[in-house]
Amino acid sequence: MKTRMKFTRQMGRMMSDRRARQVVGFAGALALISLAHPALAQTSGGTAIETGLGTIKSWMVGVASVVGVIAVMAVGYAKLTGRMDWGRAVTVLIGIGIIFSAATIVGWMGGSA
């Protein structure tokens, strides 16, 4: 004789909906707190906009570094397989040079280095 256990609605749940929302909310708050970076004191003369733009600039230089490495690798692979177009290779190198010397170029145009 087989006995089957009957599951009621209460037995099928490990916790109530309210308790589940509390646990998820606490886990979300804990994740946000652990991911947040502490606010550091601003350097002298820096406004919030300058700080934000400086952060964007440093992020873009980081991304451009990765993209530049991949572009140079692609040019190297094209040369290795004998399919390199010299015009495209020069274009890649000029583009990388402009990206990483953008601050200097803007300084020249604005009269400050």
PDB file of N, CA and C in Angstrom:
ATOM      1  N   MET A   1       0.832  -1.158   0.000  1.00  0.00           N
ATOM      2  CA  MET A   1       0.000   0.000   0.000  1.00  0.00           C
ATOM      3  C   MET A   1       0.895   1.245   0.000  1.00  0.00           C
ATOM      4  N   LYS A   2       0.639   2.091  -0.977  1.00  0.00           N
ATOM      5  CA  LYS A   2       1.385   3.340  -1.079  1.00  0.00           C
ATOM      6  C   LYS A   2       0.669   4.420  -0.306  1.00  0.00           C
ATOM      7  N   THR A   3       1.483   5.149   0.398  1.00  0.00           N
ATOM      8  CA  THR A   3       0.897   6.291   1.081  1.00  0.00           C
ATOM      9  C   THR A   3       1.407   7.542   0.414  1.00  0.00           C
ATOM     10  N   ARG A   4       0.539   8.388   0.111  1.00  0.00           N
ATOM     11  CA  ARG A   4       0.905   9.665  -0.489  1.00  0.00           C
ATOM     12  C   ARG A   4       0.702  10.754   0.532  1.00  0.00           C
ATOM     13  N   MET A   5       1.671  11.622   0.561  1.00  0.00           N
ATOM     14  CA  MET A   5       1.568  12.740   1.475  1.00  0.00           C
ATOM     15  C   MET A   5       0.841  13.868   0.770  1.00  0.00           C
ATOM     16  N   LYS A   6      -0.113  14.397   1.403  1.00  0.00           N
ATOM     17  CA  LYS A   6      -0.866  15.493   0.817  1.00  0.00           C
ATOM     18  C   LYS A   6      -0.201  16.810   1.205  1.00  0.00           C
ATOM     19  N   PHE A   7       0.030  17.623   0.173  1.00  0.00           N
ATOM     20  CA  PHE A   7       0.609  18.936   0.419  1.00  0.00           C
ATOM     21  C   PHE A   7      -0.500  19.963   0.465  1.00  0.00           C
ATOM     22  N   THR A   8      -0.526  20.650   1.524  1.00  0.00           N
ATOM     23  CA  THR A   8      -1.463  21.761   1.610  1.00  0.00           C
ATOM     24  C   THR A   8      -0.745  23.010   1.131  1.00  0.00           C
ATOM     25  N   ARG A   9      -1.489  24.052   0.994  1.00  0.00           N
ATOM     26  CA  ARG A   9      -0.894  25.297   0.526  1.00  0.00           C
ATOM     27  C   ARG A   9       0.178  25.787   1.490  1.00  0.00           C
ATOM     28  N   GLN A  10      -0.036  25.625   2.762  1.00  0.00           N
ATOM     29  CA  GLN A  10       0.921  26.079   3.749  1.00  0.00           C
ATOM     30  C   GLN A  10       2.190  25.225   3.735  1.00  0.00           C
ATOM     31  N   MET A  11       2.082  23.958   3.457  1.00  0.00           N
ATOM     32  CA  MET A  11       3.248  23.079   3.470  1.00  0.00           C
ATOM     33  C   MET A  11       4.123  23.303   2.239  1.00  0.00           C
ATOM     34  N   GLY A  12       3.551  23.737   1.150  1.00  0.00           N
ATOM     35  CA  GLY A  12       4.295  23.914  -0.083  1.00  0.00           C
ATOM     36  C   GLY A  12       5.203  25.127  -0.076  1.00  0.00           C
ATOM     37  N   ARG A  13       4.996  26.038   0.815  1.00  0.00           N
ATOM     38  CA  ARG A  13       5.793  27.257   0.875  1.00  0.00           C
ATOM     39  C   ARG A  13       6.792  27.169   2.009  1.00  0.00           C
ATOM     40  N   MET A  14       7.955  27.708   1.731  1.00  0.00           N
ATOM     41  CA  MET A  14       8.957  27.744   2.782  1.00  0.00           C
ATOM     42  C   MET A  14       8.798  28.992   3.640  1.00  0.00           C
ATOM     43  N   MET A  15       8.331  30.068   3.013  1.00  0.00           N
ATOM     44  CA  MET A  15       8.108  31.303   3.757  1.00  0.00           C
ATOM     45  C   MET A  15       6.971  32.072   3.110  1.00  0.00           C
ATOM     46  N   SER A  16       6.428  32.985   3.850  1.00  0.00           N
ATOM     47  CA  SER A  16       5.307  33.756   3.339  1.00  0.00           C
ATOM     48  C   SER A  16       5.793  34.764   2.301  1.00  0.00           C
ATOM     49  N   ASP A  17       4.853  35.302   1.549  1.00  0.00           N
ATOM     50  CA  ASP A  17       5.194  36.307   0.549  1.00  0.00           C
ATOM     51  C   ASP A  17       5.798  37.541   1.206  1.00  0.00           C
ATOM     52  N   ARG A  18       5.257  37.924   2.320  1.00  0.00           N
ATOM     53  CA  ARG A  18       5.774  39.097   3.023  1.00  0.00           C
ATOM     54  C   ARG A  18       7.213  38.865   3.468  1.00  0.00           C
ATOM     55  N   ARG A  19       7.470  37.696   4.008  1.00  0.00           N
ATOM     56  CA  ARG A  19       8.823  37.374   4.471  1.00  0.00           C
ATOM     57  C   ARG A  19       9.781  37.300   3.281  1.00  0.00           C
ATOM     58  N   ALA A  20       9.339  36.750   2.152  1.00  0.00           N
ATOM     59  CA  ALA A  20      10.180  36.667   0.958  1.00  0.00           C
ATOM     60  C   ALA A  20      10.532  38.062   0.458  1.00  0.00           C
ATOM     61  N   ARG A  21       9.565  38.987   0.471  1.00  0.00           N
ATOM     62  CA  ARG A  21       9.853  40.360   0.057  1.00  0.00           C
ATOM     63  C   ARG A  21      10.853  41.014   0.994  1.00  0.00           C
ATOM     64  N   GLN A  22      10.755  40.729   2.285  1.00  0.00           N
ATOM     65  CA  GLN A  22      11.707  41.281   3.238  1.00  0.00           C
ATOM     66  C   GLN A  22      13.118  40.757   2.978  1.00  0.00           C
ATOM     67  N   VAL A  23      13.221  39.472   2.712  1.00  0.00           N
ATOM     68  CA  VAL A  23      14.533  38.870   2.459  1.00  0.00           C
ATOM     69  C   VAL A  23      15.138  39.424   1.178  1.00  0.00           C
ATOM     70  N   VAL A  24      14.337  39.524   0.118  1.00  0.00           N
ATOM     71  CA  VAL A  24      14.829  40.063  -1.145  1.00  0.00           C
ATOM     72  C   VAL A  24      15.206  41.533  -0.993  1.00  0.00           C
ATOM     73  N   GLY A  25      14.421  42.290  -0.280  1.00  0.00           N
ATOM     74  CA  GLY A  25      14.743  43.697  -0.043  1.00  0.00           C
ATOM     75  C   GLY A  25      16.026  43.855   0.746  1.00  0.00           C
ATOM     76  N   PHE A  26      16.208  43.042   1.767  1.00  0.00           N
ATOM     77  CA  PHE A  26      17.435  43.102   2.558  1.00  0.00           C
ATOM     78  C   PHE A  26      18.645  42.706   1.717  1.00  0.00           C
ATOM     79  N   ALA A  27      18.503  41.657   0.900  1.00  0.00           N
ATOM     80  CA  ALA A  27      19.612  41.236   0.033  1.00  0.00           C
ATOM     81  C   ALA A  27      19.944  42.309  -0.990  1.00  0.00           C
ATOM     82  N   GLY A  28      18.932  42.965  -1.541  1.00  0.00           N
ATOM     83  CA  GLY A  28      19.172  44.043  -2.497  1.00  0.00           C
ATOM     84  C   GLY A  28      19.862  45.229  -1.847  1.00  0.00           C
ATOM     85  N   ALA A  29      19.414  45.606  -0.650  1.00  0.00           N
ATOM     86  CA  ALA A  29      20.057  46.718   0.058  1.00  0.00           C
ATOM     87  C   ALA A  29      21.500  46.375   0.405  1.00  0.00           C
ATOM     88  N   LEU A  30      21.741  45.145   0.809  1.00  0.00           N
ATOM     89  CA  LEU A  30      23.099  44.713   1.127  1.00  0.00           C
ATOM     90  C   LEU A  30      23.992  44.745  -0.109  1.00  0.00           C
ATOM     91  N   ALA A  31      23.445  44.345  -1.258  1.00  0.00           N
ATOM     92  CA  ALA A  31      24.223  44.389  -2.503  1.00  0.00           C
ATOM     93  C   ALA A  31      24.548  45.823  -2.894  1.00  0.00           C
ATOM     94  N   LEU A  32      23.580  46.730  -2.771  1.00  0.00           N
ATOM     95  CA  LEU A  32      23.831  48.132  -3.106  1.00  0.00           C
ATOM     96  C   LEU A  32      24.869  48.757  -2.182  1.00  0.00           C
ATOM     97  N   ILE A  33      24.798  48.433  -0.916  1.00  0.00           N
ATOM     98  CA  ILE A  33      25.761  48.986   0.031  1.00  0.00           C
ATOM     99  C   ILE A  33      27.162  48.454  -0.254  1.00  0.00           C
ATOM    100  N   SER A  34      27.259  47.175  -0.589  1.00  0.00           N
ATOM    101  CA  SER A  34      28.587  46.594  -0.827  1.00  0.00           C
ATOM    102  C   SER A  34      29.179  47.071  -2.155  1.00  0.00           C
ATOM    103  N   LEU A  35      28.346  47.436  -3.119  1.00  0.00           N
ATOM    104  CA  LEU A  35      28.848  47.896  -4.409  1.00  0.00           C
ATOM    105  C   LEU A  35      29.143  49.391  -4.434  1.00  0.00           C
ATOM    106  N   ALA A  36      28.574  50.139  -3.520  1.00  0.00           N
ATOM    107  CA  ALA A  36      28.744  51.589  -3.525  1.00  0.00           C
ATOM    108  C   ALA A  36      30.169  51.949  -3.123  1.00  0.00           C
ATOM    109  N   HIS A  37      30.719  52.915  -3.798  1.00  0.00           N
ATOM    110  CA  HIS A  37      32.045  53.411  -3.463  1.00  0.00           C
ATOM    111  C   HIS A  37      31.887  54.608  -2.539  1.00  0.00           C
ATOM    112  N   PRO A  38      32.742  54.716  -1.559  1.00  0.00           N
ATOM    113  CA  PRO A  38      32.618  55.858  -0.656  1.00  0.00           C
ATOM    114  C   PRO A  38      32.941  57.163  -1.381  1.00  0.00           C
ATOM    115  N   ALA A  39      32.267  58.205  -0.998  1.00  0.00           N
ATOM    116  CA  ALA A  39      32.517  59.511  -1.605  1.00  0.00           C
ATOM    117  C   ALA A  39      33.824  60.056  -1.044  1.00  0.00           C
ATOM    118  N   LEU A  40      34.730  60.370  -1.923  1.00  0.00           N
ATOM    119  CA  LEU A  40      36.009  60.905  -1.502  1.00  0.00           C
ATOM    120  C   LEU A  40      35.966  62.419  -1.565  1.00  0.00           C
ATOM    121  N   ALA A  41      36.776  63.047  -0.768  1.00  0.00           N
ATOM    122  CA  ALA A  41      36.811  64.506  -0.766  1.00  0.00           C
ATOM    123  C   ALA A  41      37.310  64.997  -2.115  1.00  0.00           C
ATOM    124  N   GLN A  42      36.708  66.075  -2.589  1.00  0.00           N
ATOM    125  CA  GLN A  42      37.102  66.628  -3.875  1.00  0.00           C
ATOM    126  C   GLN A  42      38.420  67.370  -3.736  1.00  0.00           C
ATOM    127  N   THR A  43      39.176  67.348  -4.812  1.00  0.00           N
ATOM    128  CA  THR A  43      40.414  68.113  -4.802  1.00  0.00           C
ATOM    129  C   THR A  43      40.082  69.586  -4.915  1.00  0.00           C
ATOM    130  N   SER A  44      41.034  70.420  -4.570  1.00  0.00           N
ATOM    131  CA  SER A  44      40.768  71.856  -4.585  1.00  0.00           C
ATOM    132  C   SER A  44      40.494  72.332  -6.006  1.00  0.00           C
ATOM    133  N   GLY A  45      39.479  73.151  -6.158  1.00  0.00           N
ATOM    134  CA  GLY A  45      39.152  73.727  -7.448  1.00  0.00           C
ATOM    135  C   GLY A  45      38.276  72.843  -8.318  1.00  0.00           C
ATOM    136  N   GLY A  46      37.959  71.644  -7.893  1.00  0.00           N
ATOM    137  CA  GLY A  46      37.153  70.753  -8.706  1.00  0.00           C
ATOM    138  C   GLY A  46      35.694  70.847  -8.342  1.00  0.00           C
ATOM    139  N   THR A  47      34.858  71.078  -9.329  1.00  0.00           N
ATOM    140  CA  THR A  47      33.426  71.090  -9.084  1.00  0.00           C
ATOM    141  C   THR A  47      32.881  69.696  -9.340  1.00  0.00           C
ATOM    142  N   ALA A  48      31.618  69.509  -9.052  1.00  0.00           N
ATOM    143  CA  ALA A  48      30.997  68.205  -9.261  1.00  0.00           C
ATOM    144  C   ALA A  48      30.988  67.844 -10.742  1.00  0.00           C
ATOM    145  N   ILE A  49      30.784  68.822 -11.591  1.00  0.00           N
ATOM    146  CA  ILE A  49      30.755  68.561 -13.034  1.00  0.00           C
ATOM    147  C   ILE A  49      32.142  68.143 -13.520  1.00  0.00           C
ATOM    148  N   GLU A  50      33.183  68.851 -13.044  1.00  0.00           N
ATOM    149  CA  GLU A  50      34.543  68.492 -13.447  1.00  0.00           C
ATOM    150  C   GLU A  50      34.906  67.095 -12.965  1.00  0.00           C
ATOM    151  N   THR A  51      34.494  66.770 -11.763  1.00  0.00           N
ATOM    152  CA  THR A  51      34.774  65.437 -11.229  1.00  0.00           C
ATOM    153  C   THR A  51      34.056  64.377 -12.058  1.00  0.00           C
ATOM    154  N   GLY A  52      32.799  64.637 -12.387  1.00  0.00           N
ATOM    155  CA  GLY A  52      32.039  63.676 -13.196  1.00  0.00           C
ATOM    156  C   GLY A  52      32.627  63.503 -14.581  1.00  0.00           C
ATOM    157  N   LEU A  53      33.014  64.612 -15.202  1.00  0.00           N
ATOM    158  CA  LEU A  53      33.620  64.518 -16.532  1.00  0.00           C
ATOM    159  C   LEU A  53      34.978  63.837 -16.475  1.00  0.00           C
ATOM    160  N   GLY A  54      35.715  64.063 -15.402  1.00  0.00           N
ATOM    161  CA  GLY A  54      36.992  63.365 -15.232  1.00  0.00           C
ATOM    162  C   GLY A  54      36.796  61.862 -15.097  1.00  0.00           C
ATOM    163  N   THR A  55      35.740  61.463 -14.401  1.00  0.00           N
ATOM    164  CA  THR A  55      35.423  60.038 -14.268  1.00  0.00           C
ATOM    165  C   THR A  55      35.063  59.445 -15.624  1.00  0.00           C
ATOM    166  N   ILE A  56      34.264  60.168 -16.398  1.00  0.00           N
ATOM    167  CA  ILE A  56      33.893  59.683 -17.735  1.00  0.00           C
ATOM    168  C   ILE A  56      35.139  59.571 -18.615  1.00  0.00           C
ATOM    169  N   LYS A  57      36.036  60.552 -18.519  1.00  0.00           N
ATOM    170  CA  LYS A  57      37.258  60.521 -19.318  1.00  0.00           C
ATOM    171  C   LYS A  57      38.119  59.317 -18.961  1.00  0.00           C
ATOM    172  N   SER A  58      38.271  59.057 -17.677  1.00  0.00           N
ATOM    173  CA  SER A  58      39.101  57.917 -17.285  1.00  0.00           C
ATOM    174  C   SER A  58      38.455  56.597 -17.709  1.00  0.00           C
ATOM    175  N   TRP A  59      37.114  56.520 -17.658  1.00  0.00           N
ATOM    176  CA  TRP A  59      36.429  55.315 -18.105  1.00  0.00           C
ATOM    177  C   TRP A  59      36.612  55.117 -19.610  1.00  0.00           C
ATOM    178  N   MET A  60      36.493  56.208 -20.365  1.00  0.00           N
ATOM    179  CA  MET A  60      36.629  56.095 -21.817  1.00  0.00           C
ATOM    180  C   MET A  60      38.054  55.753 -22.223  1.00  0.00           C
ATOM    181  N   VAL A  61      39.051  56.267 -21.499  1.00  0.00           N
ATOM    182  CA  VAL A  61      40.438  55.907 -21.805  1.00  0.00           C
ATOM    183  C   VAL A  61      40.652  54.427 -21.517  1.00  0.00           C
ATOM    184  N   GLY A  62      40.046  53.918 -20.457  1.00  0.00           N
ATOM    185  CA  GLY A  62      40.149  52.489 -20.162  1.00  0.00           C
ATOM    186  C   GLY A  62      39.531  51.635 -21.251  1.00  0.00           C
ATOM    187  N   VAL A  63      38.352  52.037 -21.710  1.00  0.00           N
ATOM    188  CA  VAL A  63      37.691  51.297 -22.797  1.00  0.00           C
ATOM    189  C   VAL A  63      38.494  51.429 -24.089  1.00  0.00           C
ATOM    190  N   ALA A  64      39.004  52.639 -24.360  1.00  0.00           N
ATOM    191  CA  ALA A  64      39.780  52.852 -25.582  1.00  0.00           C
ATOM    192  C   ALA A  64      41.059  52.035 -25.571  1.00  0.00           C
ATOM    193  N   SER A  65      41.639  51.812 -24.401  1.00  0.00           N
ATOM    194  CA  SER A  65      42.838  50.979 -24.323  1.00  0.00           C
ATOM    195  C   SER A  65      42.539  49.559 -24.787  1.00  0.00           C
ATOM    196  N   VAL A  66      41.446  49.026 -24.320  1.00  0.00           N
ATOM    197  CA  VAL A  66      41.066  47.660 -24.710  1.00  0.00           C
ATOM    198  C   VAL A  66      40.761  47.600 -26.201  1.00  0.00           C
ATOM    199  N   VAL A  67      39.992  48.576 -26.696  1.00  0.00           N
ATOM    200  CA  VAL A  67      39.646  48.595 -28.119  1.00  0.00           C
ATOM    201  C   VAL A  67      40.897  48.791 -28.973  1.00  0.00           C
ATOM    202  N   GLY A  68      41.818  49.641 -28.517  1.00  0.00           N
ATOM    203  CA  GLY A  68      43.069  49.854 -29.251  1.00  0.00           C
ATOM    204  C   GLY A  68      43.903  48.597 -29.335  1.00  0.00           C
ATOM    205  N   VAL A  69      43.975  47.866 -28.237  1.00  0.00           N
ATOM    206  CA  VAL A  69      44.729  46.604 -28.247  1.00  0.00           C
ATOM    207  C   VAL A  69      44.096  45.620 -29.211  1.00  0.00           C
ATOM    208  N   ILE A  70      42.773  45.533 -29.200  1.00  0.00           N
ATOM    209  CA  ILE A  70      42.091  44.619 -30.119  1.00  0.00           C
ATOM    210  C   ILE A  70      42.311  45.046 -31.566  1.00  0.00           C
ATOM    211  N   ALA A  71      42.303  46.355 -31.847  1.00  0.00           N
ATOM    212  CA  ALA A  71      42.519  46.840 -33.213  1.00  0.00           C
ATOM    213  C   ALA A  71      43.931  46.514 -33.692  1.00  0.00           C
ATOM    214  N   VAL A  72      44.918  46.715 -32.822  1.00  0.00           N
ATOM    215  CA  VAL A  72      46.297  46.386 -33.208  1.00  0.00           C
ATOM    216  C   VAL A  72      46.443  44.881 -33.402  1.00  0.00           C
ATOM    217  N   MET A  73      45.780  44.096 -32.578  1.00  0.00           N
ATOM    218  CA  MET A  73      45.825  42.642 -32.758  1.00  0.00           C
ATOM    219  C   MET A  73      45.188  42.238 -34.090  1.00  0.00           C
ATOM    220  N   ALA A  74      44.096  42.907 -34.462  1.00  0.00           N
ATOM    221  CA  ALA A  74      43.447  42.594 -35.736  1.00  0.00           C
ATOM    222  C   ALA A  74      44.353  42.940 -36.908  1.00  0.00           C
ATOM    223  N   VAL A  75      45.061  44.080 -36.813  1.00  0.00           N
ATOM    224  CA  VAL A  75      46.007  44.448 -37.877  1.00  0.00           C
ATOM    225  C   VAL A  75      47.145  43.432 -37.936  1.00  0.00           C
ATOM    226  N   GLY A  76      47.637  43.014 -36.782  1.00  0.00           N
ATOM    227  CA  GLY A  76      48.698  42.004 -36.748  1.00  0.00           C
ATOM    228  C   GLY A  76      48.249  40.675 -37.326  1.00  0.00           C
ATOM    229  N   TYR A  77      47.019  40.278 -37.009  1.00  0.00           N
ATOM    230  CA  TYR A  77      46.496  39.032 -37.564  1.00  0.00           C
ATOM    231  C   TYR A  77      46.330  39.130 -39.072  1.00  0.00           C
ATOM    232  N   ALA A  78      45.880  40.290 -39.546  1.00  0.00           N
ATOM    233  CA  ALA A  78      45.735  40.484 -40.993  1.00  0.00           C
ATOM    234  C   ALA A  78      47.100  40.410 -41.674  1.00  0.00           C
ATOM    235  N   LYS A  79      48.120  40.967 -41.041  1.00  0.00           N
ATOM    236  CA  LYS A  79      49.469  40.894 -41.604  1.00  0.00           C
ATOM    237  C   LYS A  79      49.974  39.447 -41.591  1.00  0.00           C
ATOM    238  N   LEU A  80      49.683  38.742 -40.522  1.00  0.00           N
ATOM    239  CA  LEU A  80      50.112  37.348 -40.398  1.00  0.00           C
ATOM    240  C   LEU A  80      49.506  36.475 -41.488  1.00  0.00           C
ATOM    241  N   THR A  81      48.267  36.704 -41.828  1.00  0.00           N
ATOM    242  CA  THR A  81      47.597  35.889 -42.840  1.00  0.00           C
ATOM    243  C   THR A  81      47.762  36.446 -44.250  1.00  0.00           C
ATOM    244  N   GLY A  82      48.474  37.561 -44.376  1.00  0.00           N
ATOM    245  CA  GLY A  82      48.727  38.113 -45.705  1.00  0.00           C
ATOM    246  C   GLY A  82      47.571  38.890 -46.292  1.00  0.00           C
ATOM    247  N   ARG A  83      46.645  39.329 -45.481  1.00  0.00           N
ATOM    248  CA  ARG A  83      45.484  40.064 -45.970  1.00  0.00           C
ATOM    249  C   ARG A  83      45.456  41.491 -45.461  1.00  0.00           C
ATOM    250  N   MET A  84      46.593  42.045 -45.101  1.00  0.00           N
ATOM    251  CA  MET A  84      46.609  43.379 -44.519  1.00  0.00           C
ATOM    252  C   MET A  84      46.522  44.447 -45.602  1.00  0.00           C
ATOM    253  N   ASP A  85      45.664  45.410 -45.370  1.00  0.00           N
ATOM    254  CA  ASP A  85      45.550  46.573 -46.222  1.00  0.00           C
ATOM    255  C   ASP A  85      46.294  47.704 -45.515  1.00  0.00           C
ATOM    256  N   TRP A  86      47.333  48.242 -46.150  1.00  0.00           N
ATOM    257  CA  TRP A  86      48.159  49.258 -45.504  1.00  0.00           C
ATOM    258  C   TRP A  86      47.363  50.506 -45.157  1.00  0.00           C
ATOM    259  N   GLY A  87      46.388  50.847 -45.961  1.00  0.00           N
ATOM    260  CA  GLY A  87      45.553  52.018 -45.667  1.00  0.00           C
ATOM    261  C   GLY A  87      44.780  51.845 -44.375  1.00  0.00           C
ATOM    262  N   ARG A  88      44.226  50.654 -44.172  1.00  0.00           N
ATOM    263  CA  ARG A  88      43.480  50.384 -42.944  1.00  0.00           C
ATOM    264  C   ARG A  88      44.412  50.346 -41.734  1.00  0.00           C
ATOM    265  N   ALA A  89      45.611  49.793 -41.909  1.00  0.00           N
ATOM    266  CA  ALA A  89      46.570  49.734 -40.804  1.00  0.00           C
ATOM    267  C   ALA A  89      46.982  51.138 -40.368  1.00  0.00           C
ATOM    268  N   VAL A  90      47.243  52.004 -41.326  1.00  0.00           N
ATOM    269  CA  VAL A  90      47.620  53.373 -40.995  1.00  0.00           C
ATOM    270  C   VAL A  90      46.437  54.102 -40.335  1.00  0.00           C
ATOM    271  N   THR A  91      45.237  53.866 -40.819  1.00  0.00           N
ATOM    272  CA  THR A  91      44.054  54.479 -40.233  1.00  0.00           C
ATOM    273  C   THR A  91      43.880  54.060 -38.777  1.00  0.00           C
ATOM    274  N   VAL A  92      44.096  52.780 -38.482  1.00  0.00           N
ATOM    275  CA  VAL A  92      43.991  52.287 -37.107  1.00  0.00           C
ATOM    276  C   VAL A  92      45.025  52.971 -36.222  1.00  0.00           C
ATOM    277  N   LEU A  93      46.255  53.064 -36.685  1.00  0.00           N
ATOM    278  CA  LEU A  93      47.308  53.680 -35.880  1.00  0.00           C
ATOM    279  C   LEU A  93      47.066  55.173 -35.658  1.00  0.00           C
ATOM    280  N   ILE A  94      46.601  55.872 -36.678  1.00  0.00           N
ATOM    281  CA  ILE A  94      46.292  57.303 -36.519  1.00  0.00           C
ATOM    282  C   ILE A  94      45.130  57.490 -35.545  1.00  0.00           C
ATOM    283  N   GLY A  95      44.124  56.648 -35.659  1.00  0.00           N
ATOM    284  CA  GLY A  95      42.976  56.730 -34.749  1.00  0.00           C
ATOM    285  C   GLY A  95      43.382  56.500 -33.304  1.00  0.00           C
ATOM    286  N   ILE A  96      44.221  55.516 -33.064  1.00  0.00           N
ATOM    287  CA  ILE A  96      44.697  55.255 -31.705  1.00  0.00           C
ATOM    288  C   ILE A  96      45.513  56.443 -31.191  1.00  0.00           C
ATOM    289  N   GLY A  97      46.348  57.003 -32.051  1.00  0.00           N
ATOM    290  CA  GLY A  97      47.130  58.173 -31.648  1.00  0.00           C
ATOM    291  C   GLY A  97      46.263  59.355 -31.278  1.00  0.00           C
ATOM    292  N   ILE A  98      45.201  59.597 -32.041  1.00  0.00           N
ATOM    293  CA  ILE A  98      44.306  60.715 -31.742  1.00  0.00           C
ATOM    294  C   ILE A  98      43.551  60.475 -30.440  1.00  0.00           C
ATOM    295  N   ILE A  99      43.093  59.252 -30.225  1.00  0.00           N
ATOM    296  CA  ILE A  99      42.331  58.951 -29.011  1.00  0.00           C
ATOM    297  C   ILE A  99      43.170  59.213 -27.765  1.00  0.00           C
ATOM    298  N   PHE A 100      44.407  58.722 -27.763  1.00  0.00           N
ATOM    299  CA  PHE A 100      45.212  58.834 -26.554  1.00  0.00           C
ATOM    300  C   PHE A 100      45.906  60.181 -26.407  1.00  0.00           C
ATOM    301  N   SER A 101      45.934  60.991 -27.436  1.00  0.00           N
ATOM    302  CA  SER A 101      46.505  62.329 -27.287  1.00  0.00           C
ATOM    303  C   SER A 101      45.423  63.401 -27.352  1.00  0.00           C
ATOM    304  N   ALA A 102      44.176  63.013 -27.105  1.00  0.00           N
ATOM    305  CA  ALA A 102      43.057  63.962 -27.198  1.00  0.00           C
ATOM    306  C   ALA A 102      43.210  65.106 -26.209  1.00  0.00           C
ATOM    307  N   ALA A 103      43.627  64.825 -24.984  1.00  0.00           N
ATOM    308  CA  ALA A 103      43.773  65.897 -23.985  1.00  0.00           C
ATOM    309  C   ALA A 103      44.846  66.899 -24.412  1.00  0.00           C
ATOM    310  N   THR A 104      45.934  66.405 -24.988  1.00  0.00           N
ATOM    311  CA  THR A 104      46.992  67.293 -25.453  1.00  0.00           C
ATOM    312  C   THR A 104      46.516  68.143 -26.627  1.00  0.00           C
ATOM    313  N   ILE A 105      45.795  67.532 -27.547  1.00  0.00           N
ATOM    314  CA  ILE A 105      45.291  68.265 -28.714  1.00  0.00           C
ATOM    315  C   ILE A 105      44.326  69.362 -28.271  1.00  0.00           C
ATOM    316  N   VAL A 106      43.442  69.061 -27.336  1.00  0.00           N
ATOM    317  CA  VAL A 106      42.500  70.064 -26.834  1.00  0.00           C
ATOM    318  C   VAL A 106      43.261  71.169 -26.114  1.00  0.00           C
ATOM    319  N   GLY A 107      44.313  70.821 -25.400  1.00  0.00           N
ATOM    320  CA  GLY A 107      45.138  71.829 -24.731  1.00  0.00           C
ATOM    321  C   GLY A 107      45.786  72.761 -25.736  1.00  0.00           C
ATOM    322  N   TRP A 108      46.248  72.232 -26.855  1.00  0.00           N
ATOM    323  CA  TRP A 108      46.842  73.068 -27.906  1.00  0.00           C
ATOM    324  C   TRP A 108      45.796  74.029 -28.466  1.00  0.00           C
ATOM    325  N   MET A 109      44.590  73.538 -28.701  1.00  0.00           N
ATOM    326  CA  MET A 109      43.548  74.379 -29.279  1.00  0.00           C
ATOM    327  C   MET A 109      43.080  75.453 -28.297  1.00  0.00           C
ATOM    328  N   GLY A 110      43.084  75.138 -27.026  1.00  0.00           N
ATOM    329  CA  GLY A 110      42.622  76.103 -26.039  1.00  0.00           C
ATOM    330  C   GLY A 110      43.700  77.039 -25.550  1.00  0.00           C
ATOM    331  N   GLY A 111      44.918  76.809 -25.940  1.00  0.00           N
ATOM    332  CA  GLY A 111      45.999  77.683 -25.532  1.00  0.00           C
ATOM    333  C   GLY A 111      46.643  77.295 -24.225  1.00  0.00           C
ATOM    334  N   SER A 112      46.186  76.213 -23.604  1.00  0.00           N
ATOM    335  CA  SER A 112      46.807  75.750 -22.370  1.00  0.00           C
ATOM    336  C   SER A 112      47.262  74.307 -22.572  1.00  0.00           C
ATOM    337  N   ALA A 113      48.382  73.963 -21.982  1.00  0.00           N
ATOM    338  CA  ALA A 113      48.906  72.612 -22.190  1.00  0.00           C
ATOM    339  C   ALA A 113      48.628  71.735 -21.013  1.00  0.00           C
TER     340      ALA A 113
END
